[in-house]
PDB file of all heavy atoms in Angstrom:
ATOM      1  N   MET A   1    -126.644 -77.682 -61.701  1.00  0.00           N
ATOM      2  CA  MET A   1    -127.812 -77.480 -60.852  1.00  0.00           C
ATOM      3  C   MET A   1    -128.389 -78.814 -60.388  1.00  0.00           C
ATOM      4  O   MET A   1    -128.911 -78.924 -59.276  1.00  0.00           O
ATOM      5  CB  MET A   1    -128.882 -76.687 -61.601  1.00  0.00           C
ATOM      6  CG  MET A   1    -128.486 -75.272 -61.980  1.00  0.00           C
ATOM      7  SD  MET A   1    -128.300 -74.154 -60.570  1.00  0.00           S
ATOM      8  CE  MET A   1    -129.986 -73.978 -60.021  1.00  0.00           C
ATOM      9  N   GLN A   2    -128.296 -79.837 -61.227  1.00  0.00           N
ATOM     10  CA  GLN A   2    -128.815 -81.152 -60.864  1.00  0.00           C
ATOM     11  C   GLN A   2    -127.883 -81.882 -59.902  1.00  0.00           C
ATOM     12  O   GLN A   2    -128.319 -82.476 -58.918  1.00  0.00           O
ATOM     13  CB  GLN A   2    -129.017 -82.005 -62.123  1.00  0.00           C
ATOM     14  CG  GLN A   2    -130.170 -81.553 -63.004  1.00  0.00           C
ATOM     15  CD  GLN A   2    -130.381 -82.488 -64.179  1.00  0.00           C
ATOM     16  OE1 GLN A   2    -129.538 -83.315 -64.490  1.00  0.00           O
ATOM     17  NE2 GLN A   2    -131.527 -82.353 -64.839  1.00  0.00           N
ATOM     18  N   GLN A   3    -126.586 -81.851 -60.212  1.00  0.00           N
ATOM     19  CA  GLN A   3    -125.623 -82.636 -59.444  1.00  0.00           C
ATOM     20  C   GLN A   3    -125.184 -81.960 -58.160  1.00  0.00           C
ATOM     21  O   GLN A   3    -124.810 -82.632 -57.197  1.00  0.00           O
ATOM     22  CB  GLN A   3    -124.398 -82.937 -60.323  1.00  0.00           C
ATOM     23  CG  GLN A   3    -124.721 -83.778 -61.544  1.00  0.00           C
ATOM     24  CD  GLN A   3    -123.521 -83.933 -62.466  1.00  0.00           C
ATOM     25  OE1 GLN A   3    -122.490 -83.257 -62.297  1.00  0.00           O
ATOM     26  NE2 GLN A   3    -123.637 -84.803 -63.459  1.00  0.00           N
ATOM     27  N   ASN A   4    -125.189 -80.629 -58.142  1.00  0.00           N
ATOM     28  CA  ASN A   4    -124.699 -79.881 -56.975  1.00  0.00           C
ATOM     29  C   ASN A   4    -125.668 -78.780 -56.587  1.00  0.00           C
ATOM     30  O   ASN A   4    -125.258 -77.665 -56.250  1.00  0.00           O
ATOM     31  CB  ASN A   4    -123.312 -79.284 -57.261  1.00  0.00           C
ATOM     32  CG  ASN A   4    -122.296 -80.306 -57.718  1.00  0.00           C
ATOM     33  OD1 ASN A   4    -122.013 -80.422 -58.896  1.00  0.00           O
ATOM     34  ND2 ASN A   4    -121.737 -81.053 -56.779  1.00  0.00           N
ATOM     35  N   GLY A   5    -126.956 -79.083 -56.644  1.00  0.00           N
ATOM     36  CA  GLY A   5    -127.976 -78.074 -56.373  1.00  0.00           C
ATOM     37  C   GLY A   5    -127.845 -77.446 -54.995  1.00  0.00           C
ATOM     38  O   GLY A   5    -127.978 -76.223 -54.845  1.00  0.00           O
ATOM     39  N   ASP A   6    -127.583 -78.276 -53.966  1.00  0.00           N
ATOM     40  CA  ASP A   6    -127.440 -77.738 -52.610  1.00  0.00           C
ATOM     41  C   ASP A   6    -126.285 -76.744 -52.526  1.00  0.00           C
ATOM     42  O   ASP A   6    -126.398 -75.683 -51.891  1.00  0.00           O
ATOM     43  CB  ASP A   6    -127.214 -78.881 -51.618  1.00  0.00           C
ATOM     44  CG  ASP A   6    -128.447 -79.767 -51.470  1.00  0.00           C
ATOM     45  OD1 ASP A   6    -129.530 -79.340 -51.934  1.00  0.00           O
ATOM     46  OD2 ASP A   6    -128.326 -80.871 -50.917  1.00  0.00           O
ATOM     47  N   LEU A   7    -125.184 -77.095 -53.188  1.00  0.00           N
ATOM     48  CA  LEU A   7    -124.015 -76.211 -53.171  1.00  0.00           C
ATOM     49  C   LEU A   7    -124.304 -74.909 -53.910  1.00  0.00           C
ATOM     50  O   LEU A   7    -123.935 -73.825 -53.449  1.00  0.00           O
ATOM     51  CB  LEU A   7    -122.820 -76.925 -53.805  1.00  0.00           C
ATOM     52  CG  LEU A   7    -121.556 -76.074 -54.004  1.00  0.00           C
ATOM     53  CD1 LEU A   7    -121.017 -75.607 -52.674  1.00  0.00           C
ATOM     54  CD2 LEU A   7    -120.498 -76.859 -54.774  1.00  0.00           C
ATOM     55  N   VAL A   8    -124.994 -75.004 -55.054  1.00  0.00           N
ATOM     56  CA  VAL A   8    -125.281 -73.815 -55.849  1.00  0.00           C
ATOM     57  C   VAL A   8    -126.118 -72.826 -55.043  1.00  0.00           C
ATOM     58  O   VAL A   8    -125.819 -71.625 -54.997  1.00  0.00           O
ATOM     59  CB  VAL A   8    -126.002 -74.193 -57.152  1.00  0.00           C
ATOM     60  CG1 VAL A   8    -126.511 -72.941 -57.874  1.00  0.00           C
ATOM     61  CG2 VAL A   8    -125.071 -74.968 -58.071  1.00  0.00           C
ATOM     62  N   TYR A   9    -127.154 -73.323 -54.366  1.00  0.00           N
ATOM     63  CA  TYR A   9    -128.000 -72.408 -53.603  1.00  0.00           C
ATOM     64  C   TYR A   9    -127.300 -71.921 -52.336  1.00  0.00           C
ATOM     65  O   TYR A   9    -127.594 -70.828 -51.843  1.00  0.00           O
ATOM     66  CB  TYR A   9    -129.336 -73.065 -53.279  1.00  0.00           C
ATOM     67  CG  TYR A   9    -130.295 -73.003 -54.446  1.00  0.00           C
ATOM     68  CD1 TYR A   9    -130.442 -74.070 -55.314  1.00  0.00           C
ATOM     69  CD2 TYR A   9    -131.015 -71.840 -54.704  1.00  0.00           C
ATOM     70  CE1 TYR A   9    -131.295 -73.994 -56.406  1.00  0.00           C
ATOM     71  CE2 TYR A   9    -131.871 -71.756 -55.793  1.00  0.00           C
ATOM     72  CZ  TYR A   9    -132.009 -72.830 -56.642  1.00  0.00           C
ATOM     73  OH  TYR A   9    -132.849 -72.747 -57.721  1.00  0.00           O
ATOM     74  N   ALA A  10    -126.366 -72.703 -51.821  1.00  0.00           N
ATOM     75  CA  ALA A  10    -125.545 -72.203 -50.710  1.00  0.00           C
ATOM     76  C   ALA A  10    -124.652 -71.060 -51.188  1.00  0.00           C
ATOM     77  O   ALA A  10    -124.423 -70.093 -50.454  1.00  0.00           O
ATOM     78  CB  ALA A  10    -124.701 -73.338 -50.139  1.00  0.00           C
ATOM     79  N   ILE A  11    -124.173 -71.165 -52.433  1.00  0.00           N
ATOM     80  CA  ILE A  11    -123.378 -70.071 -53.015  1.00  0.00           C
ATOM     81  C   ILE A  11    -124.250 -68.835 -53.213  1.00  0.00           C
ATOM     82  O   ILE A  11    -123.837 -67.707 -52.929  1.00  0.00           O
ATOM     83  CB  ILE A  11    -122.748 -70.522 -54.345  1.00  0.00           C
ATOM     84  CG1 ILE A  11    -121.702 -71.613 -54.081  1.00  0.00           C
ATOM     85  CG2 ILE A  11    -122.125 -69.341 -55.075  1.00  0.00           C
ATOM     86  CD1 ILE A  11    -121.177 -72.262 -55.348  1.00  0.00           C
ATOM     87  N   PHE A  12    -125.485 -69.041 -53.699  1.00  0.00           N
ATOM     88  CA  PHE A  12    -126.407 -67.908 -53.854  1.00  0.00           C
ATOM     89  C   PHE A  12    -126.638 -67.214 -52.511  1.00  0.00           C
ATOM     90  O   PHE A  12    -126.623 -65.984 -52.419  1.00  0.00           O
ATOM     91  CB  PHE A  12    -127.739 -68.379 -54.414  1.00  0.00           C
ATOM     92  CG  PHE A  12    -127.682 -68.857 -55.842  1.00  0.00           C
ATOM     93  CD1 PHE A  12    -128.713 -69.612 -56.382  1.00  0.00           C
ATOM     94  CD2 PHE A  12    -126.599 -68.549 -56.655  1.00  0.00           C
ATOM     95  CE1 PHE A  12    -128.675 -70.043 -57.689  1.00  0.00           C
ATOM     96  CE2 PHE A  12    -126.545 -68.990 -57.974  1.00  0.00           C
ATOM     97  CZ  PHE A  12    -127.586 -69.739 -58.490  1.00  0.00           C
ATOM     98  N   ALA A  13    -126.869 -68.012 -51.482  1.00  0.00           N
ATOM     99  CA  ALA A  13    -127.077 -67.439 -50.152  1.00  0.00           C
ATOM    100  C   ALA A  13    -125.834 -66.694 -49.686  1.00  0.00           C
ATOM    101  O   ALA A  13    -125.926 -65.603 -49.090  1.00  0.00           O
ATOM    102  CB  ALA A  13    -127.439 -68.545 -49.164  1.00  0.00           C
ATOM    103  N   SER A  14    -124.654 -67.256 -49.972  1.00  0.00           N
ATOM    104  CA  SER A  14    -123.403 -66.601 -49.582  1.00  0.00           C
ATOM    105  C   SER A  14    -123.232 -65.265 -50.292  1.00  0.00           C
ATOM    106  O   SER A  14    -122.695 -64.305 -49.724  1.00  0.00           O
ATOM    107  CB  SER A  14    -122.212 -67.517 -49.897  1.00  0.00           C
ATOM    108  OG  SER A  14    -122.283 -68.718 -49.158  1.00  0.00           O
ATOM    109  N   MET A  15    -123.698 -65.184 -51.533  1.00  0.00           N
ATOM    110  CA  MET A  15    -123.594 -63.929 -52.277  1.00  0.00           C
ATOM    111  C   MET A  15    -124.451 -62.842 -51.634  1.00  0.00           C
ATOM    112  O   MET A  15    -124.020 -61.684 -51.519  1.00  0.00           O
ATOM    113  CB  MET A  15    -124.016 -64.153 -53.729  1.00  0.00           C
ATOM    114  CG  MET A  15    -123.080 -65.070 -54.502  1.00  0.00           C
ATOM    115  SD  MET A  15    -123.630 -65.413 -56.181  1.00  0.00           S
ATOM    116  CE  MET A  15    -123.283 -63.849 -56.974  1.00  0.00           C
ATOM    117  N   LEU A  16    -125.659 -63.202 -51.213  1.00  0.00           N
ATOM    118  CA  LEU A  16    -126.511 -62.223 -50.535  1.00  0.00           C
ATOM    119  C   LEU A  16    -125.908 -61.817 -49.196  1.00  0.00           C
ATOM    120  O   LEU A  16    -125.948 -60.637 -48.807  1.00  0.00           O
ATOM    121  CB  LEU A  16    -127.911 -62.797 -50.345  1.00  0.00           C
ATOM    122  CG  LEU A  16    -128.691 -63.088 -51.637  1.00  0.00           C
ATOM    123  CD1 LEU A  16    -130.017 -63.771 -51.318  1.00  0.00           C
ATOM    124  CD2 LEU A  16    -128.934 -61.808 -52.429  1.00  0.00           C
ATOM    125  N   MET A  17    -125.330 -62.777 -48.484  1.00  0.00           N
ATOM    126  CA  MET A  17    -124.672 -62.467 -47.223  1.00  0.00           C
ATOM    127  C   MET A  17    -123.448 -61.575 -47.448  1.00  0.00           C
ATOM    128  O   MET A  17    -123.142 -60.688 -46.646  1.00  0.00           O
ATOM    129  CB  MET A  17    -124.270 -63.764 -46.514  1.00  0.00           C
ATOM    130  CG  MET A  17    -125.466 -64.583 -46.026  1.00  0.00           C
ATOM    131  SD  MET A  17    -125.089 -66.342 -45.777  1.00  0.00           S
ATOM    132  CE  MET A  17    -123.737 -66.274 -44.625  1.00  0.00           C
ATOM    133  N   ALA A  18    -122.758 -61.810 -48.569  1.00  0.00           N
ATOM    134  CA  ALA A  18    -121.568 -61.007 -48.876  1.00  0.00           C
ATOM    135  C   ALA A  18    -121.942 -59.554 -49.146  1.00  0.00           C
ATOM    136  O   ALA A  18    -121.159 -58.640 -48.852  1.00  0.00           O
ATOM    137  CB  ALA A  18    -120.833 -61.598 -50.076  1.00  0.00           C
ATOM    138  N   ASN A  19    -123.133 -59.312 -49.695  1.00  0.00           N
ATOM    139  CA  ASN A  19    -123.570 -57.928 -49.903  1.00  0.00           C
ATOM    140  C   ASN A  19    -123.736 -57.207 -48.565  1.00  0.00           C
ATOM    141  O   ASN A  19    -123.371 -56.031 -48.422  1.00  0.00           O
ATOM    142  CB  ASN A  19    -124.895 -57.905 -50.674  1.00  0.00           C
ATOM    143  CG  ASN A  19    -124.737 -58.400 -52.093  1.00  0.00           C
ATOM    144  OD1 ASN A  19    -123.664 -58.326 -52.674  1.00  0.00           O
ATOM    145  ND2 ASN A  19    -125.812 -58.933 -52.661  1.00  0.00           N
ATOM    146  N   PHE A  20    -124.301 -57.923 -47.599  1.00  0.00           N
ATOM    147  CA  PHE A  20    -124.444 -57.360 -46.253  1.00  0.00           C
ATOM    148  C   PHE A  20    -123.070 -57.086 -45.645  1.00  0.00           C
ATOM    149  O   PHE A  20    -122.830 -56.018 -45.057  1.00  0.00           O
ATOM    150  CB  PHE A  20    -125.242 -58.336 -45.383  1.00  0.00           C
ATOM    151  CG  PHE A  20    -125.432 -57.886 -43.968  1.00  0.00           C
ATOM    152  CD1 PHE A  20    -126.287 -56.838 -43.652  1.00  0.00           C
ATOM    153  CD2 PHE A  20    -124.759 -58.522 -42.931  1.00  0.00           C
ATOM    154  CE1 PHE A  20    -126.454 -56.423 -42.345  1.00  0.00           C
ATOM    155  CE2 PHE A  20    -124.930 -58.121 -41.615  1.00  0.00           C
ATOM    156  CZ  PHE A  20    -125.780 -57.067 -41.317  1.00  0.00           C
ATOM    157  N   ALA A  21    -122.154 -58.047 -45.800  1.00  0.00           N
ATOM    158  CA  ALA A  21    -120.794 -57.861 -45.285  1.00  0.00           C
ATOM    159  C   ALA A  21    -120.101 -56.699 -45.983  1.00  0.00           C
ATOM    160  O   ALA A  21    -119.361 -55.926 -45.362  1.00  0.00           O
ATOM    161  CB  ALA A  21    -119.994 -59.149 -45.477  1.00  0.00           C
ATOM    162  N   HIS A  22    -120.334 -56.586 -47.278  1.00  0.00           N
ATOM    163  CA  HIS A  22    -119.746 -55.501 -48.061  1.00  0.00           C
ATOM    164  C   HIS A  22    -120.179 -54.143 -47.513  1.00  0.00           C
ATOM    165  O   HIS A  22    -119.365 -53.220 -47.379  1.00  0.00           O
ATOM    166  CB  HIS A  22    -120.190 -55.655 -49.520  1.00  0.00           C
ATOM    167  CG  HIS A  22    -119.565 -54.689 -50.463  1.00  0.00           C
ATOM    168  ND1 HIS A  22    -119.945 -54.578 -51.782  1.00  0.00           N
ATOM    169  CD2 HIS A  22    -118.574 -53.763 -50.294  1.00  0.00           C
ATOM    170  CE1 HIS A  22    -119.219 -53.645 -52.367  1.00  0.00           C
ATOM    171  NE2 HIS A  22    -118.385 -53.140 -51.490  1.00  0.00           N
ATOM    172  N   LEU A  23    -121.448 -54.030 -47.187  1.00  0.00           N
ATOM    173  CA  LEU A  23    -121.971 -52.772 -46.656  1.00  0.00           C
ATOM    174  C   LEU A  23    -121.298 -52.415 -45.333  1.00  0.00           C
ATOM    175  O   LEU A  23    -120.891 -51.268 -45.115  1.00  0.00           O
ATOM    176  CB  LEU A  23    -123.484 -52.890 -46.478  1.00  0.00           C
ATOM    177  CG  LEU A  23    -124.237 -51.623 -46.054  1.00  0.00           C
ATOM    178  CD1 LEU A  23    -124.106 -50.538 -47.105  1.00  0.00           C
ATOM    179  CD2 LEU A  23    -125.704 -51.939 -45.797  1.00  0.00           C
ATOM    180  N   ILE A  24    -121.158 -53.411 -44.452  1.00  0.00           N
ATOM    181  CA  ILE A  24    -120.578 -53.156 -43.132  1.00  0.00           C
ATOM    182  C   ILE A  24    -119.081 -52.843 -43.230  1.00  0.00           C
ATOM    183  O   ILE A  24    -118.600 -51.828 -42.722  1.00  0.00           O
ATOM    184  CB  ILE A  24    -120.808 -54.364 -42.203  1.00  0.00           C
ATOM    185  CG1 ILE A  24    -122.308 -54.538 -41.931  1.00  0.00           C
ATOM    186  CG2 ILE A  24    -120.054 -54.181 -40.893  1.00  0.00           C
ATOM    187  CD1 ILE A  24    -122.636 -55.769 -41.105  1.00  0.00           C
ATOM    188  N   VAL A  25    -118.346 -53.743 -43.903  1.00  0.00           N
ATOM    189  CA  VAL A  25    -116.891 -53.569 -43.992  1.00  0.00           C
ATOM    190  C   VAL A  25    -116.552 -52.291 -44.758  1.00  0.00           C
ATOM    191  O   VAL A  25    -115.658 -51.534 -44.365  1.00  0.00           O
ATOM    192  CB  VAL A  25    -116.251 -54.794 -44.669  1.00  0.00           C
ATOM    193  CG1 VAL A  25    -114.754 -54.570 -44.879  1.00  0.00           C
ATOM    194  CG2 VAL A  25    -116.477 -56.045 -43.831  1.00  0.00           C
ATOM    195  N   GLY A  26    -117.273 -52.058 -45.857  1.00  0.00           N
ATOM    196  CA  GLY A  26    -117.001 -50.865 -46.650  1.00  0.00           C
ATOM    197  C   GLY A  26    -117.247 -49.585 -45.878  1.00  0.00           C
ATOM    198  O   GLY A  26    -116.451 -48.644 -45.942  1.00  0.00           O
ATOM    199  N   ARG A  27    -118.341 -49.564 -45.119  1.00  0.00           N
ATOM    200  CA  ARG A  27    -118.667 -48.347 -44.363  1.00  0.00           C
ATOM    201  C   ARG A  27    -117.673 -48.098 -43.232  1.00  0.00           C
ATOM    202  O   ARG A  27    -117.218 -46.974 -43.016  1.00  0.00           O
ATOM    203  CB  ARG A  27    -120.085 -48.462 -43.796  1.00  0.00           C
ATOM    204  CG  ARG A  27    -120.545 -47.238 -43.023  1.00  0.00           C
ATOM    205  CD  ARG A  27    -120.605 -46.025 -43.924  1.00  0.00           C
ATOM    206  NE  ARG A  27    -120.879 -44.793 -43.173  1.00  0.00           N
ATOM    207  CZ  ARG A  27    -119.965 -44.058 -42.588  1.00  0.00           C
ATOM    208  NH1 ARG A  27    -118.672 -44.407 -42.667  1.00  0.00           N
ATOM    209  NH2 ARG A  27    -120.287 -42.968 -41.921  1.00  0.00           N
ATOM    210  N   LEU A  28    -117.319 -49.169 -42.520  1.00  0.00           N
ATOM    211  CA  LEU A  28    -116.369 -49.006 -41.415  1.00  0.00           C
ATOM    212  C   LEU A  28    -114.965 -48.676 -41.920  1.00  0.00           C
ATOM    213  O   LEU A  28    -114.184 -48.022 -41.225  1.00  0.00           O
ATOM    214  CB  LEU A  28    -116.322 -50.284 -40.562  1.00  0.00           C
ATOM    215  CG  LEU A  28    -117.590 -50.637 -39.785  1.00  0.00           C
ATOM    216  CD1 LEU A  28    -117.421 -51.970 -39.062  1.00  0.00           C
ATOM    217  CD2 LEU A  28    -117.930 -49.527 -38.777  1.00  0.00           C
ATOM    218  N   GLY A  29    -114.660 -49.140 -43.131  1.00  0.00           N
ATOM    219  CA  GLY A  29    -113.298 -48.977 -43.630  1.00  0.00           C
ATOM    220  C   GLY A  29    -113.026 -47.693 -44.368  1.00  0.00           C
ATOM    221  O   GLY A  29    -111.866 -47.416 -44.714  1.00  0.00           O
ATOM    222  N   ILE A  30    -114.056 -46.880 -44.623  1.00  0.00           N
ATOM    223  CA  ILE A  30    -113.856 -45.669 -45.417  1.00  0.00           C
ATOM    224  C   ILE A  30    -112.732 -44.778 -44.868  1.00  0.00           C
ATOM    225  O   ILE A  30    -111.864 -44.338 -45.631  1.00  0.00           O
ATOM    226  CB  ILE A  30    -115.184 -44.884 -45.564  1.00  0.00           C
ATOM    227  CG1 ILE A  30    -116.066 -45.568 -46.614  1.00  0.00           C
ATOM    228  CG2 ILE A  30    -114.928 -43.435 -45.963  1.00  0.00           C
ATOM    229  CD1 ILE A  30    -117.423 -44.922 -46.796  1.00  0.00           C
ATOM    230  N   PRO A  31    -112.666 -44.501 -43.565  1.00  0.00           N
ATOM    231  CA  PRO A  31    -111.552 -43.671 -43.079  1.00  0.00           C
ATOM    232  C   PRO A  31    -110.179 -44.335 -43.264  1.00  0.00           C
ATOM    233  O   PRO A  31    -109.170 -43.653 -43.456  1.00  0.00           O
ATOM    234  CB  PRO A  31    -111.866 -43.493 -41.587  1.00  0.00           C
ATOM    235  CG  PRO A  31    -113.339 -43.757 -41.472  1.00  0.00           C
ATOM    236  CD  PRO A  31    -113.618 -44.816 -42.480  1.00  0.00           C
ATOM    237  N   LEU A  32    -110.161 -45.676 -43.220  1.00  0.00           N
ATOM    238  CA  LEU A  32    -108.887 -46.396 -43.335  1.00  0.00           C
ATOM    239  C   LEU A  32    -108.348 -46.371 -44.756  1.00  0.00           C
ATOM    240  O   LEU A  32    -107.136 -46.253 -44.967  1.00  0.00           O
ATOM    241  CB  LEU A  32    -109.073 -47.844 -42.873  1.00  0.00           C
ATOM    242  CG  LEU A  32    -107.898 -48.802 -43.090  1.00  0.00           C
ATOM    243  CD1 LEU A  32    -106.707 -48.366 -42.252  1.00  0.00           C
ATOM    244  CD2 LEU A  32    -108.294 -50.226 -42.745  1.00  0.00           C
ATOM    245  N   TRP A  33    -109.253 -46.478 -45.764  1.00  0.00           N
ATOM    246  CA  TRP A  33    -108.785 -46.592 -47.147  1.00  0.00           C
ATOM    247  C   TRP A  33    -108.001 -45.363 -47.580  1.00  0.00           C
ATOM    248  O   TRP A  33    -107.164 -45.439 -48.482  1.00  0.00           O
ATOM    249  CB  TRP A  33    -109.970 -46.828 -48.080  1.00  0.00           C
ATOM    250  CG  TRP A  33    -110.852 -47.981 -47.695  1.00  0.00           C
ATOM    251  CD1 TRP A  33    -112.209 -47.987 -47.633  1.00  0.00           C
ATOM    252  CD2 TRP A  33    -110.437 -49.299 -47.314  1.00  0.00           C
ATOM    253  NE1 TRP A  33    -112.667 -49.214 -47.223  1.00  0.00           N
ATOM    254  CE2 TRP A  33    -111.599 -50.044 -47.013  1.00  0.00           C
ATOM    255  CE3 TRP A  33    -109.200 -49.929 -47.169  1.00  0.00           C
ATOM    256  CZ2 TRP A  33    -111.566 -51.370 -46.604  1.00  0.00           C
ATOM    257  CZ3 TRP A  33    -109.167 -51.255 -46.750  1.00  0.00           C
ATOM    258  CH2 TRP A  33    -110.329 -51.951 -46.480  1.00  0.00           C
ATOM    259  N   VAL A  34    -108.285 -44.229 -46.968  1.00  0.00           N
ATOM    260  CA  VAL A  34    -107.533 -43.021 -47.301  1.00  0.00           C
ATOM    261  C   VAL A  34    -106.050 -43.247 -47.047  1.00  0.00           C
ATOM    262  O   VAL A  34    -105.191 -42.826 -47.831  1.00  0.00           O
ATOM    263  CB  VAL A  34    -108.041 -41.823 -46.482  1.00  0.00           C
ATOM    264  CG1 VAL A  34    -107.213 -40.579 -46.778  1.00  0.00           C
ATOM    265  CG2 VAL A  34    -109.508 -41.555 -46.787  1.00  0.00           C
ATOM    266  N   LYS A  35    -105.740 -43.925 -45.964  1.00  0.00           N
ATOM    267  CA  LYS A  35    -104.338 -44.174 -45.611  1.00  0.00           C
ATOM    268  C   LYS A  35    -103.735 -45.266 -46.490  1.00  0.00           C
ATOM    269  O   LYS A  35    -102.551 -45.213 -46.836  1.00  0.00           O
ATOM    270  CB  LYS A  35    -104.230 -44.556 -44.128  1.00  0.00           C
ATOM    271  CG  LYS A  35    -104.732 -43.464 -43.187  1.00  0.00           C
ATOM    272  CD  LYS A  35    -104.513 -43.846 -41.743  1.00  0.00           C
ATOM    273  CE  LYS A  35    -105.067 -42.779 -40.801  1.00  0.00           C
ATOM    274  NZ  LYS A  35    -104.411 -41.460 -41.022  1.00  0.00           N
ATOM    275  N   VAL A  36    -104.547 -46.277 -46.861  1.00  0.00           N
ATOM    276  CA  VAL A  36    -104.035 -47.382 -47.674  1.00  0.00           C
ATOM    277  C   VAL A  36    -103.569 -46.887 -49.039  1.00  0.00           C
ATOM    278  O   VAL A  36    -102.559 -47.349 -49.573  1.00  0.00           O
ATOM    279  CB  VAL A  36    -105.123 -48.476 -47.841  1.00  0.00           C
ATOM    280  CG1 VAL A  36    -104.676 -49.533 -48.846  1.00  0.00           C
ATOM    281  CG2 VAL A  36    -105.416 -49.126 -46.496  1.00  0.00           C
ATOM    282  N   THR A  37    -104.293 -45.927 -49.612  1.00  0.00           N
ATOM    283  CA  THR A  37    -103.912 -45.419 -50.928  1.00  0.00           C
ATOM    284  C   THR A  37    -102.566 -44.703 -50.911  1.00  0.00           C
ATOM    285  O   THR A  37    -101.977 -44.470 -51.967  1.00  0.00           O
ATOM    286  CB  THR A  37    -104.981 -44.433 -51.456  1.00  0.00           C
ATOM    287  OG1 THR A  37    -105.142 -43.364 -50.518  1.00  0.00           O
ATOM    288  CG2 THR A  37    -106.309 -45.122 -51.675  1.00  0.00           C
ATOM    289  N   GLN A  38    -102.055 -44.387 -49.728  1.00  0.00           N
ATOM    290  CA  GLN A  38    -100.792 -43.664 -49.626  1.00  0.00           C
ATOM    291  C   GLN A  38     -99.589 -44.601 -49.459  1.00  0.00           C
ATOM    292  O   GLN A  38     -98.460 -44.139 -49.351  1.00  0.00           O
ATOM    293  CB  GLN A  38    -100.848 -42.682 -48.456  1.00  0.00           C
ATOM    294  CG  GLN A  38    -101.930 -41.619 -48.615  1.00  0.00           C
ATOM    295  CD  GLN A  38    -102.039 -40.697 -47.411  1.00  0.00           C
ATOM    296  OE1 GLN A  38    -101.526 -40.999 -46.351  1.00  0.00           O
ATOM    297  NE2 GLN A  38    -102.711 -39.576 -47.575  1.00  0.00           N
ATOM    298  N   ILE A  39     -99.830 -45.920 -49.438  1.00  0.00           N
ATOM    299  CA  ILE A  39     -98.711 -46.866 -49.308  1.00  0.00           C
ATOM    300  C   ILE A  39     -97.894 -46.839 -50.598  1.00  0.00           C
ATOM    301  O   ILE A  39     -98.447 -47.050 -51.688  1.00  0.00           O
ATOM    302  CB  ILE A  39     -99.225 -48.294 -49.049  1.00  0.00           C
ATOM    303  CG1 ILE A  39    -100.030 -48.340 -47.747  1.00  0.00           C
ATOM    304  CG2 ILE A  39     -98.063 -49.286 -48.991  1.00  0.00           C
ATOM    305  CD1 ILE A  39    -100.668 -49.688 -47.470  1.00  0.00           C
TER     306      ILE A  39
END
């Protein structure tokens, strides 16, 4: 936290952004995953 504080908080911000991305990608991909499980 002392040596790489800027990076750590950038990672925290990325995690919150990833939750938003997760919601979008997961919702749009629901019809597709049905087909992926059949590979």
